[in-house]
N, C-alpha and C. Protein backbone atom coordinates (compact mmCIF):
# COMPACT_ATOMS: atom_id res chain seq x y z
N MET A 1 5.28 -6.65 -5.18
CA MET A 1 5.44 -5.85 -6.24
C MET A 1 4.75 -5.66 -7.06
N GLY A 2 4.09 -4.52 -7.17
CA GLY A 2 2.72 -4.15 -8.21
C GLY A 2 3.27 -4.16 -9.55
N SER A 3 2.22 -4.43 -10.70
CA SER A 3 2.46 -4.42 -11.94
C SER A 3 3.28 -2.83 -12.43
N LEU A 4 3.61 -2.80 -13.55
CA LEU A 4 4.23 -1.79 -14.22
C LEU A 4 2.99 -0.74 -14.21
N ARG A 5 2.24 -0.84 -14.87
CA ARG A 5 0.77 -0.30 -15.03
C ARG A 5 0.35 0.45 -13.79
N GLU A 6 0.37 -0.27 -12.59
CA GLU A 6 -0.12 0.33 -11.15
C GLU A 6 0.87 1.40 -11.12
N LYS A 7 2.44 0.96 -11.26
CA LYS A 7 3.19 2.07 -10.75
C LYS A 7 3.15 3.22 -11.64
N VAL A 8 2.98 3.11 -12.72
CA VAL A 8 2.95 4.49 -13.82
C VAL A 8 1.50 5.18 -13.24
N ARG A 9 0.71 4.35 -13.10
CA ARG A 9 -1.12 5.26 -12.41
C ARG A 9 -0.19 5.79 -10.91
N GLU A 10 0.41 5.54 -10.12
CA GLU A 10 0.76 6.10 -8.85
C GLU A 10 1.64 7.04 -9.49
N ILE A 11 2.72 7.10 -10.23
CA ILE A 11 3.43 8.15 -10.21
C ILE A 11 2.78 9.29 -10.96
N GLU A 12 1.79 8.97 -11.92
CA GLU A 12 1.17 9.93 -12.71
C GLU A 12 0.25 10.76 -11.84
N LYS A 13 -0.42 10.24 -10.80
CA LYS A 13 -1.33 10.47 -9.65
C LYS A 13 -0.58 11.48 -8.69
N GLU A 14 0.71 11.15 -8.48
CA GLU A 14 1.25 11.79 -7.69
C GLU A 14 1.95 13.13 -8.13
N GLU A 15 2.27 13.05 -9.25
CA GLU A 15 2.63 14.31 -10.14
C GLU A 15 1.74 15.09 -10.10
N ILE A 16 0.45 14.84 -10.79
CA ILE A 16 -0.49 15.70 -10.83
C ILE A 16 -0.88 16.25 -9.57
N LEU A 17 -1.00 15.45 -8.21
CA LEU A 17 -1.21 15.80 -6.82
C LEU A 17 -0.20 17.06 -6.28
N ASN A 18 1.31 16.81 -6.92
CA ASN A 18 2.47 17.83 -6.74
C ASN A 18 2.32 19.11 -7.49
N ALA A 19 1.78 19.19 -8.89
CA ALA A 19 1.39 20.44 -9.62
C ALA A 19 0.05 20.75 -8.96
N MET A 20 -0.67 20.32 -8.75
CA MET A 20 -2.10 21.31 -7.96
C MET A 20 -1.49 21.82 -6.64
N ARG A 21 -0.70 21.06 -6.10
CA ARG A 21 -0.14 22.09 -4.78
C ARG A 21 0.24 23.13 -4.93
N ALA A 22 1.40 22.86 -5.75
CA ALA A 22 2.41 24.02 -6.30
C ALA A 22 1.72 25.14 -6.95
N CYS A 23 0.43 24.81 -7.56
CA CYS A 23 -0.09 26.20 -8.32
C CYS A 23 -1.41 26.46 -7.76
N ASN A 24 -1.42 25.95 -6.42
CA ASN A 24 -2.47 26.67 -5.36
C ASN A 24 -3.90 25.98 -5.51
N TRP A 25 -4.02 24.66 -6.24
CA TRP A 25 -5.24 24.21 -6.46
C TRP A 25 -5.83 24.84 -7.87
N ILE A 26 -5.22 25.27 -8.55
CA ILE A 26 -5.44 26.25 -9.81
C ILE A 26 -5.11 25.38 -10.96
N MET A 27 -6.29 24.81 -11.98
CA MET A 27 -5.88 23.68 -12.90
C MET A 27 -5.34 23.94 -13.99
N ALA A 28 -5.76 25.09 -14.21
CA ALA A 28 -4.97 25.78 -15.77
C ALA A 28 -3.64 26.03 -15.16
N ARG A 29 -3.12 26.63 -14.05
CA ARG A 29 -1.50 26.49 -14.06
C ARG A 29 -0.96 25.06 -13.65
N ALA A 30 -1.47 24.30 -13.67
CA ALA A 30 -1.06 22.50 -13.07
C ALA A 30 -1.07 22.20 -14.13
N ALA A 31 -2.25 22.23 -15.17
CA ALA A 31 -2.08 21.68 -16.48
C ALA A 31 -0.73 22.45 -17.31
N LYS A 32 -0.34 23.80 -17.05
CA LYS A 32 0.62 24.72 -17.82
C LYS A 32 2.15 23.70 -17.59
N LYS A 33 2.16 23.64 -16.24
CA LYS A 33 3.18 23.39 -15.58
C LYS A 33 3.53 21.75 -16.11
N LEU A 34 2.55 21.08 -16.18
CA LEU A 34 2.99 19.64 -16.46
C LEU A 34 2.72 19.36 -18.33
N ASP A 35 2.64 20.43 -18.88
CA ASP A 35 2.82 20.86 -19.98
C ASP A 35 1.13 19.38 -20.83
N ILE A 36 0.46 19.87 -20.20
CA ILE A 36 -1.24 19.32 -20.69
C ILE A 36 -2.07 20.02 -20.75
N THR A 37 -3.14 19.90 -21.44
CA THR A 37 -4.30 20.44 -21.61
C THR A 37 -5.09 20.73 -20.07
N GLU A 38 -5.75 21.70 -20.10
CA GLU A 38 -6.61 21.63 -19.05
C GLU A 38 -7.73 20.75 -19.21
N ARG A 39 -8.18 20.14 -20.27
CA ARG A 39 -9.11 19.34 -20.71
C ARG A 39 -8.63 17.95 -19.88
N MET A 40 -7.53 17.64 -20.47
CA MET A 40 -6.60 16.56 -19.87
C MET A 40 -6.23 16.30 -18.20
N ILE A 41 -5.68 17.49 -17.95
CA ILE A 41 -5.74 17.34 -16.14
C ILE A 41 -6.95 17.34 -15.50
N GLY A 42 -8.07 17.71 -16.18
CA GLY A 42 -9.39 17.59 -15.56
C GLY A 42 -9.99 16.08 -15.77
N TYR A 43 -9.42 15.44 -16.68
CA TYR A 43 -10.05 14.08 -16.71
C TYR A 43 -9.19 13.30 -16.03
N LYS A 44 -7.83 13.68 -15.49
CA LYS A 44 -7.01 12.66 -14.76
C LYS A 44 -7.28 12.78 -13.46
N ILE A 45 -7.63 14.13 -12.88
CA ILE A 45 -7.93 14.39 -11.59
C ILE A 45 -9.39 13.75 -11.70
N LYS A 46 -10.26 13.56 -12.11
CA LYS A 46 -11.50 12.57 -12.33
C LYS A 46 -11.29 11.12 -12.24
N LYS A 47 -10.09 10.72 -12.98
CA LYS A 47 -9.83 9.24 -12.98
C LYS A 47 -9.36 8.74 -11.72
N TYR A 48 -8.16 9.79 -11.28
CA TYR A 48 -7.79 9.24 -9.76
C TYR A 48 -8.00 9.80 -8.79
N ASP A 49 -9.83 10.37 -8.92
CA ASP A 49 -10.02 10.87 -7.59
C ASP A 49 -9.51 11.86 -6.67
N ILE A 50 -8.83 12.72 -7.35
CA ILE A 50 -8.15 13.38 -6.65
C ILE A 50 -8.65 14.75 -6.36
N ARG A 51 -8.58 14.95 -4.49
CA ARG A 51 -9.48 15.98 -4.04
C ARG A 51 -8.12 16.80 -3.23
N LYS A 52 -8.71 17.91 -2.69
CA LYS A 52 -8.04 18.71 -2.12
C LYS A 52 -7.72 18.11 -0.82
N GLU A 53 -8.53 17.59 -0.35
CA GLU A 53 -8.12 16.69 1.22
C GLU A 53 -6.86 15.61 0.72
N ASP A 54 -6.93 15.55 -0.47
CA ASP A 54 -5.23 14.46 -0.66
C ASP A 54 -4.11 15.04 -0.06
N GLU A 55 -4.11 16.65 0.00
CA GLU A 55 -3.02 17.11 0.05
C GLU A 55 -2.47 17.00 1.65
N LYS A 56 -3.31 16.54 2.58
CA LYS A 56 -2.66 15.98 3.86
C LYS A 56 -2.23 14.64 4.08
N GLN A 57 -1.85 14.03 2.73
CA GLN A 57 -1.27 12.71 2.94
C GLN A 57 0.26 12.99 3.57
């Protein structure tokens, strides 16, 4: 069983990935969907190393 921090990171990553998929990989739309700024989603995409290839998971 992982720590709470690890679980939160995994949930956050999955939500960002879902939003990006739903918005056809357009960051501005995904950010709006998640009610965060474009700058914040860009930071989190970099932080979690989210790439379009992750869509195939």
